[in-house]
Amino acid sequence: MTQKAELLIQLLSGISSGEKDNILKALTFIKDNRKDESRTLNDFRREYMTFSQDNHAEKYRRSIELSLRHLTEYFGDDKSLSEIKTKDAERFEAFLRKSAPKGFKVYHRNLKAAFNKAKDWEYISENPFDKIRLPKQQEFGSVYLDEDDLIRIVTAAKSDLLGDLFTFAFYTGCRVGEIVQIRWHSIDLESGIILIGDSELTTKSRKQRAVPICDELFGVLINLKLRGCKDDGYVFCKSNGFRFTLEYVSKKFKAVCREIGLDEKVHFHGLRHSFASNLVQRGVSIFTVKELLGHSSVSVTERYSHINTESLKNAINVFNKAA
């Protein structure tokens, strides 16, 4: 018998059975919490990635995996979660700003979310990334695409189907992941409404939204329908009926933009941005645009409400004397 065990027996010998039970429960609680707090980074990474498999999109999972890999490479697989304090997290992020200057903000966001989950699971009592404030960086204006740009892009597209897909993105503001998954049963040409989000298409906000079909898009969808598409099939798909991948669509769009000499900052997501910007430029309420984009907060939508150079010129013209 160990010395600690003998001491425990002596302490318990003079108290009632009820008090003994309470003490044993307290000791068990302390033991369980110590076990959680000793969980290593490697253990948590495996557990969190299993959780992510059922709760996050593939692209986001890859980003999470990369973030956790950077963390474990810095601290080591056997580092205990509870040993990582705010000061340690700050040193790690200072290292990331030098080694990954373009991606450290994404890593910070991913790790903060992961450690919040560790806190929810009671592996840690505080999130070491909570108190970190990232340094502000110079912001650059986003590239704004108008309908003339869209015509150039569609004309240069090597495929009519891809041209239609780009048009769909420009006039609906849908994300590329939503577009490649949308099926014909979600498009009601009679009522002129597209429903984004159902049992087969999960939106980022997990909420279904309705996007009306404008005249320019209506003609595109009618032509697509006349090509003999199946009612339960994908709106945009390969000849065998399989859907396009996100990477395929994004790369094809980028290739067309380069071919016609558009700014290198133009990416497929810019079509969603341009959808919002065009609406705001034409006087549509930012709150209405929020609903069309499916954002949870209007503050997120405001990032897309771009004012083009021509609007700025028109504003300054009030200072010019009439000719």
Protein backbone atom coordinates (compact mmCIF):
# COMPACT_ATOMS: atom_id res chain seq x y z
CA MET A 1 0.00 0.00 0.00
CA THR A 2 1.34 3.41 -0.95
CA GLN A 3 1.82 6.28 1.49
CA LYS A 4 -0.90 8.32 -0.29
CA ALA A 5 -3.39 5.45 0.03
CA GLU A 6 -2.65 5.04 3.77
CA LEU A 7 -3.12 8.78 4.29
CA LEU A 8 -6.45 8.70 2.47
CA ILE A 9 -7.70 5.79 4.63
CA GLN A 10 -6.78 7.70 7.79
CA LEU A 11 -8.65 10.79 6.56
CA LEU A 12 -11.79 8.80 5.71
CA SER A 13 -11.86 6.63 8.87
CA GLY A 14 -13.42 9.25 11.08
CA ILE A 15 -16.26 10.49 8.83
CA SER A 16 -19.70 9.22 7.85
CA SER A 17 -20.43 7.12 4.77
CA GLY A 18 -22.34 10.03 3.16
CA GLU A 19 -19.36 12.36 3.55
CA LYS A 20 -17.09 9.64 2.12
CA ASP A 21 -19.28 9.43 -1.00
CA ASN A 22 -19.08 13.21 -1.49
CA ILE A 23 -15.30 13.17 -1.16
CA LEU A 24 -14.95 10.30 -3.62
CA LYS A 25 -17.17 12.12 -6.12
CA ALA A 26 -15.04 15.24 -5.78
CA LEU A 27 -11.86 13.24 -6.32
CA THR A 28 -13.36 11.58 -9.39
CA PHE A 29 -14.33 14.99 -10.80
CA ILE A 30 -10.80 16.31 -10.26
CA LYS A 31 -9.35 13.21 -11.91
CA ASP A 32 -11.64 13.53 -14.96
CA ASN A 33 -10.80 17.21 -15.40
CA ARG A 34 -7.10 16.50 -15.15
CA LYS A 35 -7.53 13.90 -17.84
CA ASP A 36 -9.23 16.43 -20.15
CA GLU A 37 -6.63 19.10 -19.48
CA SER A 38 -3.81 16.69 -20.32
CA ARG A 39 -5.25 16.05 -23.80
CA THR A 40 -2.52 16.51 -26.36
CA LEU A 41 -2.65 18.58 -29.53
CA ASN A 42 -2.42 15.44 -31.62
CA ASP A 43 -5.37 13.83 -29.82
CA PHE A 44 -7.45 16.97 -30.20
CA ARG A 45 -6.53 17.40 -33.86
CA ARG A 46 -7.81 13.89 -34.68
CA GLU A 47 -10.99 14.41 -32.67
CA TYR A 48 -11.69 17.86 -34.10
CA MET A 49 -11.15 16.70 -37.68
CA THR A 50 -13.66 13.88 -37.10
CA PHE A 51 -16.11 16.50 -35.85
CA SER A 52 -15.32 18.69 -38.87
CA GLN A 53 -16.04 15.81 -41.25
CA ASP A 54 -19.72 15.96 -40.31
CA ASN A 55 -20.08 19.72 -39.79
CA HIS A 56 -17.92 21.59 -42.32
CA ALA A 57 -17.53 21.79 -46.09
CA GLU A 58 -14.58 20.04 -47.73
CA LYS A 59 -12.73 23.27 -48.60
CA TYR A 60 -13.05 24.54 -45.02
CA ARG A 61 -11.91 21.16 -43.64
CA ARG A 62 -8.72 21.39 -45.67
CA SER A 63 -8.11 24.85 -44.27
CA ILE A 64 -8.68 23.60 -40.72
CA GLU A 65 -6.34 20.65 -41.22
CA LEU A 66 -3.58 22.95 -42.46
CA SER A 67 -4.07 25.33 -39.53
CA LEU A 68 -3.86 22.53 -36.96
CA ARG A 69 -0.83 21.08 -38.70
CA HIS A 70 1.00 24.41 -38.37
CA LEU A 71 0.07 24.49 -34.68
CA THR A 72 1.29 20.98 -33.91
CA GLU A 73 4.50 21.48 -35.88
CA TYR A 74 5.21 24.58 -33.79
CA PHE A 75 4.37 23.15 -30.34
CA GLY A 76 4.79 19.41 -30.96
CA ASP A 77 2.20 16.61 -31.07
CA ASP A 78 2.51 15.84 -27.35
CA LYS A 79 1.90 19.42 -26.19
CA SER A 80 -1.06 19.58 -23.80
CA LEU A 81 -3.94 21.85 -24.81
CA SER A 82 -4.11 23.31 -21.32
CA GLU A 83 -0.43 24.32 -21.45
CA ILE A 84 -1.02 26.73 -24.35
CA LYS A 85 -1.67 30.17 -22.87
CA THR A 86 -2.33 33.53 -24.53
CA LYS A 87 1.37 34.41 -24.49
CA ASP A 88 2.20 31.13 -26.26
CA ALA A 89 -0.52 31.74 -28.86
CA GLU A 90 0.82 35.27 -29.47
CA ARG A 91 4.33 33.93 -30.10
CA PHE A 92 2.94 31.32 -32.47
CA GLU A 93 0.98 33.93 -34.44
CA ALA A 94 4.04 36.20 -34.63
CA PHE A 95 5.85 33.23 -36.18
CA LEU A 96 2.96 32.70 -38.62
CA ARG A 97 2.95 36.34 -39.74
CA LYS A 98 6.52 35.83 -40.94
CA SER A 99 6.19 32.32 -42.37
CA ALA A 100 2.68 32.71 -43.87
CA PRO A 101 2.01 36.46 -44.31
CA LYS A 102 -0.93 35.88 -46.67
CA GLY A 103 -2.64 33.13 -44.72
CA PHE A 104 -2.11 33.84 -41.04
CA LYS A 105 -5.49 35.57 -40.65
CA VAL A 106 -7.26 32.46 -41.90
CA TYR A 107 -5.20 30.27 -39.58
CA HIS A 108 -6.06 32.54 -36.64
CA ARG A 109 -9.77 32.32 -37.42
CA ASN A 110 -9.66 28.53 -37.78
CA LEU A 111 -7.66 27.96 -34.60
CA LYS A 112 -9.83 30.32 -32.58
CA ALA A 113 -12.90 28.35 -33.66
CA ALA A 114 -11.18 25.03 -32.91
CA PHE A 115 -10.15 26.10 -29.40
CA ASN A 116 -13.67 27.40 -28.75
CA LYS A 117 -14.85 23.87 -29.44
CA ALA A 118 -12.18 22.52 -27.09
CA LYS A 119 -13.59 24.88 -24.46
CA ASP A 120 -17.13 23.64 -25.18
CA TRP A 121 -15.89 20.08 -24.72
CA GLU A 122 -14.34 21.17 -21.38
CA TYR A 123 -10.80 20.28 -22.41
CA ILE A 124 -9.65 23.83 -21.56
CA SER A 125 -11.08 26.59 -19.39
CA GLU A 126 -10.01 29.52 -21.59
CA ASN A 127 -9.34 30.01 -25.28
CA PRO A 128 -5.76 31.36 -25.67
CA PHE A 129 -6.66 32.94 -29.04
CA ASP A 130 -9.57 34.99 -27.66
CA LYS A 131 -7.52 37.97 -26.49
CA ILE A 132 -5.29 38.22 -29.56
CA ARG A 133 -5.95 41.27 -31.71
CA LEU A 134 -4.57 40.98 -35.20
CA PRO A 135 -2.69 44.00 -36.57
CA LYS A 136 -4.60 46.03 -39.13
CA GLN A 137 -3.36 45.88 -42.69
CA GLN A 138 -3.81 48.15 -45.65
CA GLU A 139 -7.08 47.37 -47.39
CA PHE A 140 -7.34 47.47 -51.17
CA GLY A 141 -10.47 48.08 -53.18
CA SER A 142 -12.20 45.10 -54.70
CA VAL A 143 -12.56 44.75 -58.45
CA TYR A 144 -16.01 45.68 -59.67
CA LEU A 145 -17.52 43.93 -62.71
CA ASP A 146 -20.39 45.45 -64.66
CA GLU A 147 -22.67 44.03 -67.34
CA ASP A 148 -20.25 45.01 -70.12
CA ASP A 149 -17.54 42.98 -68.38
CA LEU A 150 -19.94 40.05 -68.13
CA ILE A 151 -20.66 40.19 -71.88
CA ARG A 152 -16.92 40.08 -72.62
CA ILE A 153 -16.45 37.13 -70.26
CA VAL A 154 -19.38 35.14 -71.67
CA THR A 155 -18.31 35.86 -75.26
CA ALA A 156 -14.77 34.64 -74.56
CA ALA A 157 -15.90 31.48 -72.75
CA LYS A 158 -15.08 28.36 -74.76
CA SER A 159 -18.32 26.71 -73.62
CA ASP A 160 -21.88 28.00 -73.86
CA LEU A 161 -22.69 26.12 -70.66
CA LEU A 162 -19.89 27.86 -68.75
CA GLY A 163 -21.01 31.19 -70.17
CA ASP A 164 -24.50 30.48 -68.85
CA LEU A 165 -23.04 29.49 -65.48
CA PHE A 166 -21.10 32.78 -65.24
CA THR A 167 -24.28 34.68 -66.14
CA PHE A 168 -26.20 32.79 -63.46
CA ALA A 169 -23.59 33.77 -60.85
CA PHE A 170 -23.64 37.43 -61.89
CA TYR A 171 -27.44 37.76 -61.69
CA THR A 172 -28.06 35.67 -58.55
CA GLY A 173 -25.02 36.33 -56.34
CA CYS A 174 -24.79 32.61 -55.56
CA ARG A 175 -21.57 31.06 -54.31
CA VAL A 176 -19.80 28.67 -56.65
CA GLY A 177 -20.51 25.79 -54.25
CA GLU A 178 -24.23 26.54 -54.45
CA ILE A 179 -24.25 26.86 -58.24
CA VAL A 180 -22.61 23.50 -58.95
CA GLN A 181 -25.09 21.76 -56.62
CA ILE A 182 -28.34 23.44 -57.64
CA ARG A 183 -30.90 21.20 -59.38
CA TRP A 184 -33.81 22.07 -61.65
CA HIS A 185 -36.42 21.29 -59.03
CA SER A 186 -35.16 24.38 -57.13
CA ILE A 187 -35.91 26.68 -60.07
CA ASP A 188 -39.53 27.72 -60.64
CA LEU A 189 -39.63 29.43 -64.03
CA GLU A 190 -43.37 30.03 -63.76
CA SER A 191 -43.12 32.05 -60.54
CA GLY A 192 -39.68 33.37 -61.40
CA ILE A 193 -38.03 32.22 -58.17
CA ILE A 194 -34.89 30.24 -57.40
CA LEU A 195 -34.72 28.52 -54.01
CA ILE A 196 -31.19 28.19 -52.68
CA GLY A 197 -30.88 25.50 -50.01
CA ASP A 198 -32.63 22.18 -49.54
CA SER A 199 -31.93 18.64 -48.35
CA GLU A 200 -29.32 18.22 -51.10
CA LEU A 201 -27.80 21.72 -51.08
CA THR A 202 -26.62 23.06 -47.74
CA THR A 203 -25.99 26.81 -47.71
CA LYS A 204 -23.22 28.40 -45.68
CA SER A 205 -25.74 29.96 -43.28
CA ARG A 206 -27.78 26.71 -43.16
CA LYS A 207 -30.84 28.80 -44.18
CA GLN A 208 -32.86 28.61 -47.37
CA ARG A 209 -33.24 31.82 -49.37
CA ALA A 210 -35.21 32.88 -52.45
CA VAL A 211 -33.67 34.76 -55.37
CA PRO A 212 -36.00 36.20 -58.06
CA ILE A 213 -35.07 35.58 -61.71
CA CYS A 214 -34.33 38.75 -63.68
CA ASP A 215 -35.18 39.02 -67.41
CA GLU A 216 -31.57 38.55 -68.54
CA LEU A 217 -31.27 35.29 -66.59
CA PHE A 218 -34.74 34.05 -67.52
CA GLY A 219 -33.79 33.68 -71.19
CA VAL A 220 -30.62 31.81 -70.27
CA LEU A 221 -32.55 29.34 -68.10
CA ILE A 222 -35.21 28.79 -70.76
CA ASN A 223 -32.55 27.90 -73.33
CA LEU A 224 -30.90 25.56 -70.85
CA LYS A 225 -34.21 23.86 -70.15
CA LEU A 226 -34.89 23.38 -73.86
CA ARG A 227 -31.68 21.40 -74.20
CA GLY A 228 -33.46 18.47 -72.52
CA CYS A 229 -32.25 18.72 -68.93
CA LYS A 230 -33.79 16.34 -66.41
CA ASP A 231 -36.11 17.85 -63.81
CA ASP A 232 -34.11 16.27 -60.98
CA GLY A 233 -30.72 16.84 -62.59
CA TYR A 234 -28.11 19.51 -62.00
CA VAL A 235 -28.65 22.80 -63.79
CA PHE A 236 -24.96 22.97 -64.71
CA CYS A 237 -23.33 19.61 -65.26
CA LYS A 238 -21.14 17.49 -67.53
CA SER A 239 -22.56 15.54 -70.45
CA ASN A 240 -22.78 12.46 -68.21
CA GLY A 241 -24.95 14.32 -65.70
CA PHE A 242 -22.24 14.64 -63.04
CA ARG A 243 -21.78 18.06 -61.51
CA PHE A 244 -18.74 20.26 -61.99
CA THR A 245 -16.21 20.69 -59.21
CA LEU A 246 -15.64 24.08 -57.58
CA GLU A 247 -12.01 24.07 -58.70
CA TYR A 248 -12.93 23.39 -62.33
CA VAL A 249 -15.38 26.30 -62.52
CA SER A 250 -13.05 28.72 -60.73
CA LYS A 251 -10.06 27.84 -62.95
CA LYS A 252 -12.08 28.14 -66.17
CA PHE A 253 -13.40 31.55 -65.09
CA LYS A 254 -9.91 32.77 -64.20
CA ALA A 255 -8.56 31.58 -67.54
CA VAL A 256 -11.21 33.54 -69.44
CA CYS A 257 -10.56 36.69 -67.39
CA ARG A 258 -6.85 36.48 -68.14
CA GLU A 259 -7.51 35.92 -71.82
CA ILE A 260 -9.49 39.14 -72.16
CA GLY A 261 -7.07 41.11 -69.99
CA LEU A 262 -9.12 41.72 -66.85
CA ASP A 263 -7.44 42.66 -63.59
CA GLU A 264 -5.56 39.75 -61.95
CA LYS A 265 -7.55 40.37 -58.76
CA VAL A 266 -10.73 39.17 -60.50
CA HIS A 267 -11.84 35.75 -59.25
CA PHE A 268 -15.10 33.83 -59.51
CA HIS A 269 -16.26 35.13 -56.13
CA GLY A 270 -16.08 38.60 -57.70
CA LEU A 271 -19.32 37.77 -59.52
CA ARG A 272 -21.08 37.52 -56.16
CA HIS A 273 -19.47 40.76 -55.08
CA SER A 274 -20.52 42.43 -58.34
CA PHE A 275 -24.11 41.23 -57.91
CA ALA A 276 -24.30 43.03 -54.58
CA SER A 277 -22.46 46.09 -55.83
CA ASN A 278 -24.69 46.49 -58.87
CA LEU A 279 -27.81 46.36 -56.72
CA VAL A 280 -26.48 48.89 -54.22
CA GLN A 281 -25.39 51.22 -57.06
CA ARG A 282 -28.96 51.16 -58.36
CA GLY A 283 -30.47 52.12 -55.03
CA VAL A 284 -31.43 48.73 -53.58
CA SER A 285 -31.41 48.70 -49.78
CA ILE A 286 -28.41 47.03 -48.17
CA PHE A 287 -30.87 45.08 -46.02
CA THR A 288 -32.56 43.65 -49.14
CA VAL A 289 -29.16 42.74 -50.59
CA LYS A 290 -28.37 40.98 -47.30
CA GLU A 291 -31.41 38.72 -47.75
CA LEU A 292 -30.56 37.96 -51.38
CA LEU A 293 -26.99 37.00 -50.47
CA GLY A 294 -28.09 34.96 -47.44
CA HIS A 295 -25.89 36.78 -44.95
CA SER A 296 -26.53 36.48 -41.22
CA SER A 297 -25.60 40.11 -40.57
CA VAL A 298 -25.79 43.31 -42.61
CA SER A 299 -22.23 44.13 -41.53
CA VAL A 300 -21.06 41.22 -43.69
CA THR A 301 -23.02 42.53 -46.68
CA GLU A 302 -21.48 45.99 -46.36
CA ARG A 303 -18.15 44.55 -47.48
CA TYR A 304 -19.71 43.84 -50.86
CA SER A 305 -21.38 47.23 -51.33
CA HIS A 306 -18.72 48.62 -53.62
CA ILE A 307 -18.81 52.20 -54.93
CA ASN A 308 -17.26 52.39 -58.39
CA THR A 309 -15.01 55.18 -59.63
CA GLU A 310 -17.73 56.68 -61.82
CA SER A 311 -20.00 57.19 -58.81
CA LEU A 312 -17.17 58.97 -56.99
CA LYS A 313 -16.60 61.23 -59.99
CA ASN A 314 -20.30 62.10 -60.13
CA ALA A 315 -20.23 62.98 -56.44
CA ILE A 316 -17.24 65.32 -56.84
CA ASN A 317 -18.82 66.98 -59.86
CA VAL A 318 -21.08 68.95 -57.54
CA PHE A 319 -18.05 71.19 -56.92
CA ASN A 320 -17.55 71.89 -60.60
CA LYS A 321 -18.98 75.10 -61.95
CA ALA A 322 -21.71 74.75 -64.54
CA ALA A 323 -20.43 75.42 -68.06
